[in-house]
Amino acid sequence: MSGFQFEVDEDWAKKHNEMLRDTRYLVISAIALFVLCLAGGVAVWLLVDPASPWRLLGSLGLVLFGVMMLIVGLAIPRSVGSTQSLFDAHPLAPAIIADLPGTRTTLLALVNTTVDPAQPARWALTCRDVQAVPLTENSVGTKVPVVAVGGQRNPADAGTWQVITPMPIAWGTHERDVVADAASAIPAEQWNTLRRAKDRLPEVRAAKSNLLIL
């Protein structure tokens, strides 16, 4: 559970939360791939010589692959969960705007890679390029409170995360006071650690899964 709780504005999140947007894109891509595979399977069945074994194998293979992609795509939203559950389930973490490449914004975050919050913290830096962070001054160094969404466990150590994605609190609420309260709830020591590491963005980008263990 996150140590910071707030009520998510679902309409605001649908508009601004890029993680939800990415999930929708994945679902749309899965459906599109299913349609293409289905069309390909029909085309193979109609165009390939009936005497050829590839007629059945090709058409059946394409259709089965398409169905598999459709099942995976439709299962993604359920695995991600609701917006409220995402913010509630993951720990609060400090992030700053570290770079402004073109029209994008790069966040640099200090995250705990330990899965079990009761265990000693193992700190790391991670980064993420986003389109925008609402309610936030878009300048390098600006504080951005986030939740650290663990997405994949380390196969060599199931007790640590291998992939962690920063998700700004401002993606879940239109209230500036909530964002400010989240920033205040993060210990000053963590903000200071992140500030001291602000120039290590190139190292983070070069690290596996953009996760640099400190």
N, C-alpha and C. Protein backbone atom coordinates (compact mmCIF):
# COMPACT_ATOMS: atom_id res chain seq x y z
N MET A 1 0.83 -1.20 0.00
CA MET A 1 0.00 0.00 0.00
C MET A 1 0.87 1.26 0.00
N SER A 2 0.40 2.28 -0.69
CA SER A 2 1.10 3.55 -0.69
C SER A 2 0.87 4.24 0.65
N GLY A 3 1.87 4.96 1.12
CA GLY A 3 1.71 5.70 2.36
C GLY A 3 0.90 6.97 2.18
N PHE A 4 0.59 7.33 0.95
CA PHE A 4 -0.17 8.55 0.66
C PHE A 4 -1.44 8.16 -0.10
N GLN A 5 -2.58 8.49 0.48
CA GLN A 5 -3.86 8.13 -0.12
C GLN A 5 -4.61 9.39 -0.55
N PHE A 6 -5.23 9.34 -1.71
CA PHE A 6 -6.09 10.43 -2.17
C PHE A 6 -7.12 9.87 -3.12
N GLU A 7 -8.18 10.62 -3.33
CA GLU A 7 -9.25 10.16 -4.22
C GLU A 7 -8.91 10.56 -5.65
N VAL A 8 -8.79 9.58 -6.51
CA VAL A 8 -8.45 9.82 -7.91
C VAL A 8 -9.64 10.39 -8.66
N ASP A 9 -9.39 11.42 -9.44
CA ASP A 9 -10.39 11.99 -10.34
C ASP A 9 -10.32 11.19 -11.64
N GLU A 10 -11.26 10.28 -11.83
CA GLU A 10 -11.20 9.35 -12.96
C GLU A 10 -11.24 10.08 -14.31
N ASP A 11 -12.06 11.11 -14.42
CA ASP A 11 -12.14 11.86 -15.68
C ASP A 11 -10.82 12.55 -15.99
N TRP A 12 -10.22 13.12 -14.96
CA TRP A 12 -8.92 13.79 -15.12
C TRP A 12 -7.85 12.76 -15.51
N ALA A 13 -7.88 11.61 -14.85
CA ALA A 13 -6.89 10.56 -15.13
C ALA A 13 -7.01 10.05 -16.56
N LYS A 14 -8.24 9.89 -17.05
CA LYS A 14 -8.42 9.42 -18.42
C LYS A 14 -7.81 10.40 -19.42
N LYS A 15 -7.82 11.67 -19.07
CA LYS A 15 -7.29 12.70 -19.96
C LYS A 15 -5.78 12.83 -19.87
N HIS A 16 -5.22 12.67 -18.66
CA HIS A 16 -3.81 12.99 -18.45
C HIS A 16 -2.90 11.80 -18.15
N ASN A 17 -3.45 10.70 -17.66
CA ASN A 17 -2.60 9.59 -17.23
C ASN A 17 -2.08 8.82 -18.44
N GLU A 18 -0.80 8.98 -18.73
CA GLU A 18 -0.22 8.36 -19.92
C GLU A 18 -0.06 6.85 -19.78
N MET A 19 -0.02 6.36 -18.55
CA MET A 19 0.05 4.92 -18.36
C MET A 19 -1.27 4.27 -18.81
N LEU A 20 -2.39 4.91 -18.49
CA LEU A 20 -3.68 4.42 -18.95
C LEU A 20 -3.78 4.53 -20.47
N ARG A 21 -3.25 5.63 -20.99
CA ARG A 21 -3.27 5.83 -22.44
C ARG A 21 -2.46 4.75 -23.15
N ASP A 22 -1.30 4.42 -22.58
CA ASP A 22 -0.47 3.36 -23.17
C ASP A 22 -1.20 2.02 -23.14
N THR A 23 -1.94 1.78 -22.05
CA THR A 23 -2.71 0.54 -21.94
C THR A 23 -3.78 0.47 -23.03
N ARG A 24 -4.46 1.59 -23.26
CA ARG A 24 -5.48 1.62 -24.31
C ARG A 24 -4.86 1.36 -25.68
N TYR A 25 -3.68 1.94 -25.92
CA TYR A 25 -2.99 1.72 -27.20
C TYR A 25 -2.65 0.24 -27.39
N LEU A 26 -2.23 -0.41 -26.31
CA LEU A 26 -1.89 -1.83 -26.40
C LEU A 26 -3.12 -2.67 -26.74
N VAL A 27 -4.25 -2.32 -26.13
CA VAL A 27 -5.49 -3.05 -26.42
C VAL A 27 -5.90 -2.85 -27.87
N ILE A 28 -5.83 -1.59 -28.34
CA ILE A 28 -6.18 -1.29 -29.73
C ILE A 28 -5.25 -2.03 -30.69
N SER A 29 -3.96 -2.06 -30.36
CA SER A 29 -2.99 -2.75 -31.21
C SER A 29 -3.28 -4.25 -31.26
N ALA A 30 -3.66 -4.82 -30.12
CA ALA A 30 -3.96 -6.25 -30.07
C ALA A 30 -5.19 -6.58 -30.93
N ILE A 31 -6.20 -5.72 -30.86
CA ILE A 31 -7.40 -5.95 -31.67
C ILE A 31 -7.08 -5.81 -33.16
N ALA A 32 -6.27 -4.79 -33.49
CA ALA A 32 -5.89 -4.59 -34.90
C ALA A 32 -5.08 -5.78 -35.42
N LEU A 33 -4.18 -6.30 -34.57
CA LEU A 33 -3.38 -7.46 -34.98
C LEU A 33 -4.26 -8.69 -35.18
N PHE A 34 -5.26 -8.84 -34.32
CA PHE A 34 -6.20 -9.96 -34.47
C PHE A 34 -6.94 -9.88 -35.81
N VAL A 35 -7.40 -8.68 -36.15
CA VAL A 35 -8.13 -8.50 -37.41
C VAL A 35 -7.22 -8.81 -38.60
N LEU A 36 -5.97 -8.33 -38.54
CA LEU A 36 -5.02 -8.58 -39.63
C LEU A 36 -4.71 -10.07 -39.77
N CYS A 37 -4.51 -10.74 -38.64
CA CYS A 37 -4.22 -12.17 -38.69
C CYS A 37 -5.41 -12.96 -39.22
N LEU A 38 -6.61 -12.54 -38.81
CA LEU A 38 -7.81 -13.21 -39.30
C LEU A 38 -7.95 -13.04 -40.81
N ALA A 39 -7.70 -11.80 -41.27
CA ALA A 39 -7.76 -11.55 -42.71
C ALA A 39 -6.67 -12.33 -43.45
N GLY A 40 -5.48 -12.40 -42.84
CA GLY A 40 -4.39 -13.16 -43.45
C GLY A 40 -4.71 -14.64 -43.53
N GLY A 41 -5.33 -15.16 -42.46
CA GLY A 41 -5.70 -16.57 -42.46
C GLY A 41 -6.72 -16.89 -43.55
N VAL A 42 -7.70 -16.00 -43.71
CA VAL A 42 -8.70 -16.19 -44.76
C VAL A 42 -8.05 -16.12 -46.14
N ALA A 43 -7.12 -15.15 -46.30
CA ALA A 43 -6.44 -15.00 -47.59
C ALA A 43 -5.63 -16.24 -47.94
N VAL A 44 -4.92 -16.78 -46.95
CA VAL A 44 -4.13 -18.00 -47.20
C VAL A 44 -5.05 -19.15 -47.59
N TRP A 45 -6.17 -19.28 -46.90
CA TRP A 45 -7.11 -20.37 -47.19
C TRP A 45 -7.68 -20.26 -48.60
N LEU A 46 -7.93 -19.03 -49.04
CA LEU A 46 -8.54 -18.83 -50.36
C LEU A 46 -7.54 -18.87 -51.50
N LEU A 47 -6.30 -18.44 -51.23
CA LEU A 47 -5.34 -18.26 -52.32
C LEU A 47 -4.35 -19.41 -52.49
N VAL A 48 -4.07 -20.12 -51.43
CA VAL A 48 -3.08 -21.20 -51.51
C VAL A 48 -3.73 -22.46 -52.10
N ASP A 49 -2.96 -23.17 -52.88
CA ASP A 49 -3.42 -24.41 -53.52
C ASP A 49 -3.99 -25.38 -52.47
N PRO A 50 -5.23 -25.83 -52.65
CA PRO A 50 -5.83 -26.76 -51.68
C PRO A 50 -5.01 -28.01 -51.43
N ALA A 51 -4.18 -28.38 -52.37
CA ALA A 51 -3.36 -29.58 -52.20
C ALA A 51 -2.13 -29.33 -51.33
N SER A 52 -1.82 -28.09 -51.09
CA SER A 52 -0.63 -27.75 -50.31
C SER A 52 -0.92 -27.84 -48.81
N PRO A 53 0.00 -28.46 -48.05
CA PRO A 53 -0.19 -28.52 -46.59
C PRO A 53 -0.13 -27.14 -45.94
N TRP A 54 0.48 -26.17 -46.62
CA TRP A 54 0.61 -24.82 -46.07
C TRP A 54 -0.73 -24.10 -46.04
N ARG A 55 -1.70 -24.59 -46.81
CA ARG A 55 -3.01 -23.94 -46.79
C ARG A 55 -3.63 -24.02 -45.40
N LEU A 56 -3.67 -25.23 -44.86
CA LEU A 56 -4.24 -25.43 -43.52
C LEU A 56 -3.33 -24.88 -42.43
N LEU A 57 -2.03 -25.21 -42.54
CA LEU A 57 -1.08 -24.77 -41.51
C LEU A 57 -0.99 -23.25 -41.44
N GLY A 58 -0.89 -22.61 -42.61
CA GLY A 58 -0.75 -21.16 -42.64
C GLY A 58 -1.98 -20.44 -42.12
N SER A 59 -3.15 -20.84 -42.61
CA SER A 59 -4.38 -20.16 -42.19
C SER A 59 -4.67 -20.40 -40.71
N LEU A 60 -4.51 -21.65 -40.27
CA LEU A 60 -4.76 -21.97 -38.87
C LEU A 60 -3.76 -21.27 -37.95
N GLY A 61 -2.49 -21.24 -38.36
CA GLY A 61 -1.47 -20.59 -37.55
C GLY A 61 -1.74 -19.10 -37.38
N LEU A 62 -2.11 -18.43 -38.45
CA LEU A 62 -2.40 -17.00 -38.38
C LEU A 62 -3.61 -16.71 -37.49
N VAL A 63 -4.66 -17.50 -37.66
CA VAL A 63 -5.87 -17.28 -36.86
C VAL A 63 -5.59 -17.53 -35.38
N LEU A 64 -4.88 -18.60 -35.06
CA LEU A 64 -4.58 -18.91 -33.66
C LEU A 64 -3.70 -17.84 -33.03
N PHE A 65 -2.72 -17.35 -33.80
CA PHE A 65 -1.86 -16.28 -33.29
C PHE A 65 -2.68 -15.03 -33.03
N GLY A 66 -3.58 -14.70 -33.95
CA GLY A 66 -4.43 -13.53 -33.77
C GLY A 66 -5.32 -13.65 -32.55
N VAL A 67 -5.90 -14.84 -32.35
CA VAL A 67 -6.75 -15.05 -31.17
C VAL A 67 -5.94 -14.92 -29.89
N MET A 68 -4.72 -15.44 -29.89
CA MET A 68 -3.86 -15.33 -28.72
C MET A 68 -3.56 -13.87 -28.40
N MET A 69 -3.25 -13.07 -29.42
CA MET A 69 -2.98 -11.65 -29.22
C MET A 69 -4.21 -10.92 -28.71
N LEU A 70 -5.39 -11.31 -29.20
CA LEU A 70 -6.63 -10.69 -28.74
C LEU A 70 -6.87 -10.98 -27.26
N ILE A 71 -6.65 -12.23 -26.86
CA ILE A 71 -6.83 -12.60 -25.46
C ILE A 71 -5.87 -11.83 -24.56
N VAL A 72 -4.61 -11.75 -24.98
CA VAL A 72 -3.61 -11.00 -24.20
C VAL A 72 -4.00 -9.53 -24.11
N GLY A 73 -4.41 -8.95 -25.24
CA GLY A 73 -4.77 -7.54 -25.26
C GLY A 73 -5.94 -7.22 -24.36
N LEU A 74 -6.96 -8.07 -24.39
CA LEU A 74 -8.15 -7.84 -23.56
C LEU A 74 -7.87 -8.09 -22.08
N ALA A 75 -6.82 -8.86 -21.78
CA ALA A 75 -6.48 -9.14 -20.39
C ALA A 75 -5.64 -8.04 -19.76
N ILE A 76 -5.04 -7.19 -20.59
CA ILE A 76 -4.14 -6.15 -20.08
C ILE A 76 -4.84 -5.20 -19.10
N PRO A 77 -6.01 -4.63 -19.43
CA PRO A 77 -6.65 -3.71 -18.49
C PRO A 77 -6.92 -4.34 -17.13
N ARG A 78 -7.32 -5.61 -17.13
CA ARG A 78 -7.59 -6.28 -15.86
C ARG A 78 -6.32 -6.44 -15.04
N SER A 79 -5.20 -6.75 -15.71
CA SER A 79 -3.94 -6.93 -14.99
C SER A 79 -3.42 -5.61 -14.44
N VAL A 80 -3.67 -4.52 -15.16
CA VAL A 80 -3.23 -3.20 -14.71
C VAL A 80 -4.07 -2.72 -13.53
N GLY A 81 -5.37 -2.98 -13.58
CA GLY A 81 -6.26 -2.55 -12.51
C GLY A 81 -6.81 -1.16 -12.75
N SER A 82 -7.61 -0.69 -11.80
CA SER A 82 -8.20 0.64 -11.91
C SER A 82 -7.16 1.70 -11.60
N THR A 83 -7.46 2.93 -12.00
CA THR A 83 -6.54 4.04 -11.71
C THR A 83 -6.37 4.21 -10.21
N GLN A 84 -7.47 4.13 -9.47
CA GLN A 84 -7.40 4.28 -8.02
C GLN A 84 -6.51 3.21 -7.40
N SER A 85 -6.66 1.97 -7.85
CA SER A 85 -5.86 0.88 -7.29
C SER A 85 -4.38 1.05 -7.61
N LEU A 86 -4.07 1.61 -8.77
CA LEU A 86 -2.67 1.84 -9.13
C LEU A 86 -2.02 2.82 -8.16
N PHE A 87 -2.71 3.93 -7.90
CA PHE A 87 -2.15 4.92 -6.98
C PHE A 87 -2.11 4.40 -5.55
N ASP A 88 -3.13 3.62 -5.16
CA ASP A 88 -3.19 3.12 -3.78
C ASP A 88 -2.15 2.04 -3.50
N ALA A 89 -1.85 1.23 -4.51
CA ALA A 89 -1.04 0.03 -4.29
C ALA A 89 0.47 0.27 -4.32
N HIS A 90 0.89 1.41 -4.85
CA HIS A 90 2.33 1.61 -5.06
C HIS A 90 2.86 2.77 -4.22
N PRO A 91 4.13 2.66 -3.81
CA PRO A 91 4.70 3.63 -2.87
C PRO A 91 4.97 5.00 -3.48
N LEU A 92 4.82 6.00 -2.65
CA LEU A 92 5.14 7.37 -3.03
C LEU A 92 6.65 7.50 -3.21
N ALA A 93 7.07 8.29 -4.19
CA ALA A 93 8.50 8.45 -4.47
C ALA A 93 8.76 9.86 -5.00
N PRO A 94 9.99 10.36 -4.78
CA PRO A 94 10.34 11.68 -5.30
C PRO A 94 10.85 11.61 -6.74
N ALA A 95 10.48 12.58 -7.53
CA ALA A 95 11.01 12.70 -8.90
C ALA A 95 11.22 14.17 -9.19
N ILE A 96 12.07 14.45 -10.15
CA ILE A 96 12.29 15.82 -10.62
C ILE A 96 12.29 15.82 -12.14
N ILE A 97 12.01 16.98 -12.70
CA ILE A 97 12.18 17.13 -14.14
C ILE A 97 13.67 17.27 -14.39
N ALA A 98 14.25 16.28 -15.09
CA ALA A 98 15.70 16.25 -15.29
C ALA A 98 16.12 16.77 -16.65
N ASP A 99 15.19 16.77 -17.60
CA ASP A 99 15.54 17.20 -18.96
C ASP A 99 14.25 17.54 -19.70
N LEU A 100 14.39 18.38 -20.72
CA LEU A 100 13.25 18.77 -21.55
C LEU A 100 13.63 18.57 -23.02
N PRO A 101 13.71 17.31 -23.47
CA PRO A 101 14.10 17.03 -24.86
C PRO A 101 12.95 17.28 -25.83
N GLY A 102 13.09 18.32 -26.64
CA GLY A 102 12.04 18.63 -27.60
C GLY A 102 10.74 18.99 -26.91
N THR A 103 9.68 18.29 -27.26
CA THR A 103 8.37 18.54 -26.64
C THR A 103 8.10 17.58 -25.48
N ARG A 104 9.08 16.79 -25.11
CA ARG A 104 8.90 15.81 -24.05
C ARG A 104 9.46 16.33 -22.73
N THR A 105 9.13 15.63 -21.66
CA THR A 105 9.64 15.93 -20.33
C THR A 105 10.23 14.66 -19.75
N THR A 106 11.47 14.74 -19.27
CA THR A 106 12.12 13.56 -18.69
C THR A 106 12.08 13.65 -17.17
N LEU A 107 11.49 12.64 -16.55
CA LEU A 107 11.46 12.56 -15.10
C LEU A 107 12.57 11.65 -14.61
N LEU A 108 13.24 12.08 -13.55
CA LEU A 108 14.25 11.25 -12.87
C LEU A 108 13.72 10.99 -11.47
N ALA A 109 13.59 9.73 -11.10
CA ALA A 109 12.97 9.39 -9.82
C ALA A 109 13.88 8.52 -8.97
N LEU A 110 13.76 8.69 -7.66
CA LEU A 110 14.44 7.83 -6.69
C LEU A 110 13.43 6.80 -6.22
N VAL A 111 13.72 5.52 -6.45
CA VAL A 111 12.74 4.47 -6.14
C VAL A 111 13.37 3.37 -5.30
N ASN A 112 12.51 2.69 -4.56
CA ASN A 112 12.92 1.54 -3.77
C ASN A 112 12.65 0.28 -4.58
N THR A 113 13.68 -0.49 -4.88
CA THR A 113 13.51 -1.68 -5.71
C THR A 113 13.04 -2.90 -4.92
N THR A 114 12.97 -2.79 -3.60
CA THR A 114 12.51 -3.91 -2.78
C THR A 114 11.01 -4.07 -2.90
N VAL A 115 10.56 -5.28 -3.22
CA VAL A 115 9.13 -5.53 -3.39
C VAL A 115 8.39 -5.41 -2.07
N ASP A 116 8.92 -6.02 -1.02
CA ASP A 116 8.27 -6.00 0.29
C ASP A 116 8.68 -4.73 1.05
N PRO A 117 7.73 -3.83 1.30
CA PRO A 117 8.09 -2.58 1.99
C PRO A 117 8.58 -2.79 3.41
N ALA A 118 8.35 -3.98 3.97
CA ALA A 118 8.81 -4.26 5.33
C ALA A 118 10.30 -4.60 5.35
N GLN A 119 10.87 -4.90 4.19
CA GLN A 119 12.29 -5.23 4.09
C GLN A 119 13.12 -3.96 3.88
N PRO A 120 14.44 -4.03 4.16
CA PRO A 120 15.29 -2.86 3.96
C PRO A 120 15.23 -2.36 2.52
N ALA A 121 15.24 -1.05 2.37
CA ALA A 121 15.14 -0.44 1.04
C ALA A 121 16.44 -0.63 0.25
N ARG A 122 16.28 -0.84 -1.05
CA ARG A 122 17.41 -0.87 -1.99
C ARG A 122 17.13 0.22 -3.02
N TRP A 123 17.84 1.32 -2.91
CA TRP A 123 17.51 2.50 -3.69
C TRP A 123 18.11 2.45 -5.09
N ALA A 124 17.39 3.05 -6.00
CA ALA A 124 17.84 3.12 -7.40
C ALA A 124 17.26 4.37 -8.04
N LEU A 125 17.86 4.75 -9.14
CA LEU A 125 17.34 5.85 -9.96
C LEU A 125 16.69 5.26 -11.20
N THR A 126 15.59 5.84 -11.61
CA THR A 126 14.96 5.45 -12.86
C THR A 126 14.46 6.70 -13.57
N CYS A 127 14.20 6.59 -14.85
CA CYS A 127 13.74 7.76 -15.61
C CYS A 127 12.60 7.37 -16.53
N ARG A 128 11.87 8.38 -16.93
CA ARG A 128 10.77 8.16 -17.87
C ARG A 128 10.51 9.43 -18.65
N ASP A 129 10.34 9.29 -19.95
CA ASP A 129 9.95 10.42 -20.80
C ASP A 129 8.43 10.46 -20.89
N VAL A 130 7.85 11.62 -20.61
CA VAL A 130 6.40 11.78 -20.67
C VAL A 130 6.08 12.99 -21.54
N GLN A 131 4.83 13.09 -21.94
CA GLN A 131 4.41 14.23 -22.75
C GLN A 131 4.24 15.47 -21.90
N ALA A 132 3.64 15.31 -20.72
CA ALA A 132 3.38 16.47 -19.87
C ALA A 132 3.05 16.02 -18.45
N VAL A 133 3.32 16.92 -17.50
CA VAL A 133 2.89 16.73 -16.11
C VAL A 133 2.05 17.94 -15.74
N PRO A 134 0.74 17.81 -15.67
CA PRO A 134 -0.10 18.96 -15.36
C PRO A 134 0.14 19.49 -13.95
N LEU A 135 -0.28 20.72 -13.72
CA LEU A 135 -0.18 21.36 -12.40
C LEU A 135 1.27 21.51 -11.94
N THR A 136 2.20 21.47 -12.88
CA THR A 136 3.62 21.47 -12.54
C THR A 136 4.38 22.43 -13.44
N GLU A 137 5.27 23.23 -12.84
CA GLU A 137 6.11 24.12 -13.63
C GLU A 137 7.05 23.29 -14.49
N ASN A 138 7.00 23.52 -15.78
CA ASN A 138 7.77 22.69 -16.71
C ASN A 138 9.18 23.24 -16.87
N SER A 139 10.00 23.06 -15.85
CA SER A 139 11.39 23.52 -15.89
C SER A 139 12.26 22.49 -15.18
N VAL A 140 13.51 22.41 -15.62
CA VAL A 140 14.45 21.43 -15.04
C VAL A 140 14.63 21.69 -13.55
N GLY A 141 14.53 20.64 -12.77
CA GLY A 141 14.70 20.75 -11.33
C GLY A 141 13.40 20.77 -10.55
N THR A 142 12.28 20.96 -11.22
CA THR A 142 10.99 21.01 -10.54
C THR A 142 10.67 19.67 -9.88
N LYS A 143 10.19 19.72 -8.64
CA LYS A 143 9.81 18.51 -7.92
C LYS A 143 8.51 17.95 -8.49
N VAL A 144 8.47 16.63 -8.63
CA VAL A 144 7.28 15.94 -9.13
C VAL A 144 7.03 14.70 -8.26
N PRO A 145 6.10 14.76 -7.31
CA PRO A 145 5.79 13.56 -6.53
C PRO A 145 5.15 12.50 -7.42
N VAL A 146 5.59 11.27 -7.28
CA VAL A 146 5.08 10.17 -8.11
C VAL A 146 4.80 8.95 -7.24
N VAL A 147 4.14 7.97 -7.82
CA VAL A 147 4.14 6.64 -7.22
C VAL A 147 5.02 5.76 -8.11
N ALA A 148 5.75 4.86 -7.48
CA ALA A 148 6.68 3.99 -8.21
C ALA A 148 5.99 2.67 -8.52
N VAL A 149 5.57 2.50 -9.75
CA VAL A 149 4.79 1.32 -10.16
C VAL A 149 5.74 0.19 -10.56
N GLY A 150 5.82 -0.83 -9.73
CA GLY A 150 6.65 -1.99 -10.06
C GLY A 150 5.99 -2.82 -11.14
N GLY A 151 6.71 -3.06 -12.23
CA GLY A 151 6.09 -3.75 -13.35
C GLY A 151 6.63 -5.13 -13.64
N GLN A 152 7.84 -5.42 -13.19
CA GLN A 152 8.43 -6.73 -13.49
C GLN A 152 9.46 -7.06 -12.42
N ARG A 153 9.36 -8.25 -11.85
CA ARG A 153 10.31 -8.65 -10.82
C ARG A 153 11.60 -9.15 -11.43
N ASN A 154 12.67 -9.00 -10.66
CA ASN A 154 13.98 -9.46 -11.10
C ASN A 154 14.02 -10.98 -11.09
N PRO A 155 14.26 -11.63 -12.24
CA PRO A 155 14.28 -13.10 -12.28
C PRO A 155 15.37 -13.70 -11.39
N ALA A 156 16.43 -12.94 -11.15
CA ALA A 156 17.52 -13.45 -10.31
C ALA A 156 17.25 -13.22 -8.83
N ASP A 157 16.28 -12.34 -8.53
CA ASP A 157 15.95 -12.03 -7.13
C ASP A 157 14.50 -11.57 -7.10
N ALA A 158 13.60 -12.49 -6.79
CA ALA A 158 12.16 -12.19 -6.83
C ALA A 158 11.75 -11.15 -5.81
N GLY A 159 12.65 -10.82 -4.89
CA GLY A 159 12.34 -9.83 -3.88
C GLY A 159 12.59 -8.40 -4.32
N THR A 160 13.05 -8.22 -5.56
CA THR A 160 13.31 -6.86 -6.06
C THR A 160 12.64 -6.67 -7.42
N TRP A 161 12.35 -5.41 -7.71
CA TRP A 161 11.78 -5.05 -9.00
C TRP A 161 12.88 -4.84 -10.03
N GLN A 162 12.65 -5.32 -11.24
CA GLN A 162 13.58 -5.10 -12.35
C GLN A 162 13.15 -3.91 -13.19
N VAL A 163 11.84 -3.63 -13.20
CA VAL A 163 11.29 -2.50 -13.93
C VAL A 163 10.38 -1.71 -13.00
N ILE A 164 10.60 -0.41 -12.91
CA ILE A 164 9.76 0.47 -12.09
C ILE A 164 9.42 1.71 -12.92
N THR A 165 8.15 2.05 -12.96
CA THR A 165 7.70 3.18 -13.76
C THR A 165 7.15 4.29 -12.87
N PRO A 166 7.73 5.50 -12.93
CA PRO A 166 7.19 6.62 -12.15
C PRO A 166 5.86 7.10 -12.74
N MET A 167 4.85 7.26 -11.90
CA MET A 167 3.55 7.77 -12.33
C MET A 167 3.19 9.00 -11.49
N PRO A 168 3.22 10.20 -12.08
CA PRO A 168 2.99 11.43 -11.32
C PRO A 168 1.63 11.46 -10.62
N ILE A 169 1.63 11.97 -9.40
CA ILE A 169 0.38 12.17 -8.67
C ILE A 169 -0.54 13.09 -9.46
N ALA A 170 0.04 14.06 -10.17
CA ALA A 170 -0.75 15.03 -10.94
C ALA A 170 -1.51 14.38 -12.09
N TRP A 171 -1.20 13.15 -12.41
CA TRP A 171 -1.98 12.42 -13.43
C TRP A 171 -3.29 11.89 -12.85
N GLY A 172 -3.44 11.98 -11.54
CA GLY A 172 -4.63 11.41 -10.91
C GLY A 172 -5.54 12.41 -10.23
N THR A 173 -5.13 13.67 -10.17
CA THR A 173 -5.94 14.68 -9.50
C THR A 173 -5.76 16.05 -10.14
N HIS A 174 -6.82 16.85 -10.10
CA HIS A 174 -6.74 18.22 -10.61
C HIS A 174 -6.48 19.21 -9.49
N GLU A 175 -6.34 18.71 -8.26
CA GLU A 175 -6.17 19.58 -7.10
C GLU A 175 -4.69 19.79 -6.79
N ARG A 176 -4.27 21.05 -6.87
CA ARG A 176 -2.87 21.38 -6.59
C ARG A 176 -2.49 21.05 -5.15
N ASP A 177 -3.44 21.21 -4.23
CA ASP A 177 -3.15 20.94 -2.82
C ASP A 177 -2.79 19.47 -2.60
N VAL A 178 -3.42 18.58 -3.34
CA VAL A 178 -3.12 17.15 -3.22
C VAL A 178 -1.70 16.87 -3.69
N VAL A 179 -1.32 17.49 -4.80
CA VAL A 179 0.04 17.31 -5.32
C VAL A 179 1.06 17.86 -4.33
N ALA A 180 0.76 19.03 -3.75
CA ALA A 180 1.66 19.64 -2.77
C ALA A 180 1.77 18.78 -1.52
N ASP A 181 0.65 18.22 -1.08
CA ASP A 181 0.67 17.36 0.10
C ASP A 181 1.50 16.10 -0.16
N ALA A 182 1.40 15.57 -1.37
CA ALA A 182 2.19 14.38 -1.72
C ALA A 182 3.68 14.70 -1.68
N ALA A 183 4.05 15.85 -2.21
CA ALA A 183 5.47 16.25 -2.19
C ALA A 183 5.96 16.41 -0.75
N SER A 184 5.10 16.96 0.11
CA SER A 184 5.48 17.17 1.51
C SER A 184 5.58 15.85 2.28
N ALA A 185 4.82 14.85 1.83
CA ALA A 185 4.81 13.56 2.52
C ALA A 185 6.07 12.74 2.26
N ILE A 186 6.83 13.12 1.25
CA ILE A 186 8.07 12.41 0.93
C ILE A 186 9.19 12.95 1.82
N PRO A 187 9.92 12.09 2.53
CA PRO A 187 10.97 12.55 3.44
C PRO A 187 12.00 13.45 2.74
N ALA A 188 12.43 14.49 3.45
CA ALA A 188 13.40 15.43 2.89
C ALA A 188 14.69 14.72 2.49
N GLU A 189 15.05 13.68 3.23
CA GLU A 189 16.28 12.94 2.92
C GLU A 189 16.22 12.34 1.52
N GLN A 190 15.04 11.85 1.12
CA GLN A 190 14.90 11.28 -0.22
C GLN A 190 15.01 12.36 -1.29
N TRP A 191 14.38 13.50 -1.05
CA TRP A 191 14.51 14.61 -2.00
C TRP A 191 15.97 15.03 -2.14
N ASN A 192 16.68 15.09 -1.02
CA ASN A 192 18.09 15.51 -1.05
C ASN A 192 18.95 14.49 -1.81
N THR A 193 18.68 13.20 -1.59
CA THR A 193 19.42 12.16 -2.32
C THR A 193 19.19 12.30 -3.82
N LEU A 194 17.96 12.57 -4.20
CA LEU A 194 17.64 12.73 -5.62
C LEU A 194 18.32 13.97 -6.20
N ARG A 195 18.32 15.04 -5.44
CA ARG A 195 18.97 16.28 -5.91
C ARG A 195 20.45 16.05 -6.17
N ARG A 196 21.09 15.32 -5.28
CA ARG A 196 22.53 15.06 -5.44
C ARG A 196 22.81 14.19 -6.66
N ALA A 197 21.81 13.42 -7.08
CA ALA A 197 22.01 12.50 -8.21
C ALA A 197 21.44 13.04 -9.52
N LYS A 198 21.04 14.30 -9.55
CA LYS A 198 20.34 14.85 -10.71
C LYS A 198 21.16 14.84 -11.99
N ASP A 199 22.49 14.81 -11.87
CA ASP A 199 23.34 14.81 -13.07
C ASP A 199 23.64 13.40 -13.59
N ARG A 200 23.03 12.40 -13.00
CA ARG A 200 23.32 11.01 -13.39
C ARG A 200 22.31 10.46 -14.41
N LEU A 201 21.54 11.35 -15.01
CA LEU A 201 20.55 10.90 -16.00
C LEU A 201 21.17 10.07 -17.12
N PRO A 202 22.33 10.46 -17.69
CA PRO A 202 22.93 9.63 -18.75
C PRO A 202 23.22 8.20 -18.28
N GLU A 203 23.66 8.05 -17.02
CA GLU A 203 23.92 6.71 -16.48
C GLU A 203 22.62 5.90 -16.37
N VAL A 204 21.56 6.58 -15.97
CA VAL A 204 20.27 5.90 -15.82
C VAL A 204 19.76 5.44 -17.18
N ARG A 205 19.89 6.30 -18.18
CA ARG A 205 19.44 5.93 -19.53
C ARG A 205 20.23 4.73 -20.07
N ALA A 206 21.49 4.63 -19.67
CA ALA A 206 22.34 3.55 -20.17
C ALA A 206 22.14 2.24 -19.39
N ALA A 207 21.51 2.33 -18.22
CA ALA A 207 21.32 1.15 -17.38
C ALA A 207 20.22 0.24 -17.93
N LYS A 208 20.31 -1.03 -17.61
CA LYS A 208 19.28 -1.99 -18.04
C LYS A 208 17.94 -1.60 -17.45
N SER A 209 16.93 -1.53 -18.30
CA SER A 209 15.56 -1.15 -17.91
C SER A 209 15.53 0.24 -17.29
N ASN A 210 16.53 1.07 -17.61
CA ASN A 210 16.61 2.43 -17.06
C ASN A 210 16.53 2.43 -15.54
N LEU A 211 17.17 1.44 -14.92
CA LEU A 211 17.15 1.32 -13.46
C LEU A 211 18.59 1.22 -12.97
N LEU A 212 19.07 2.29 -12.34
CA LEU A 212 20.46 2.36 -11.88
C LEU A 212 20.49 2.18 -10.37
N ILE A 213 21.04 1.06 -9.92
CA ILE A 213 21.11 0.77 -8.49
C ILE A 213 22.16 1.68 -7.84
N LEU A 214 21.81 2.26 -6.71
CA LEU A 214 22.73 3.16 -6.01
C LEU A 214 23.55 2.38 -4.98
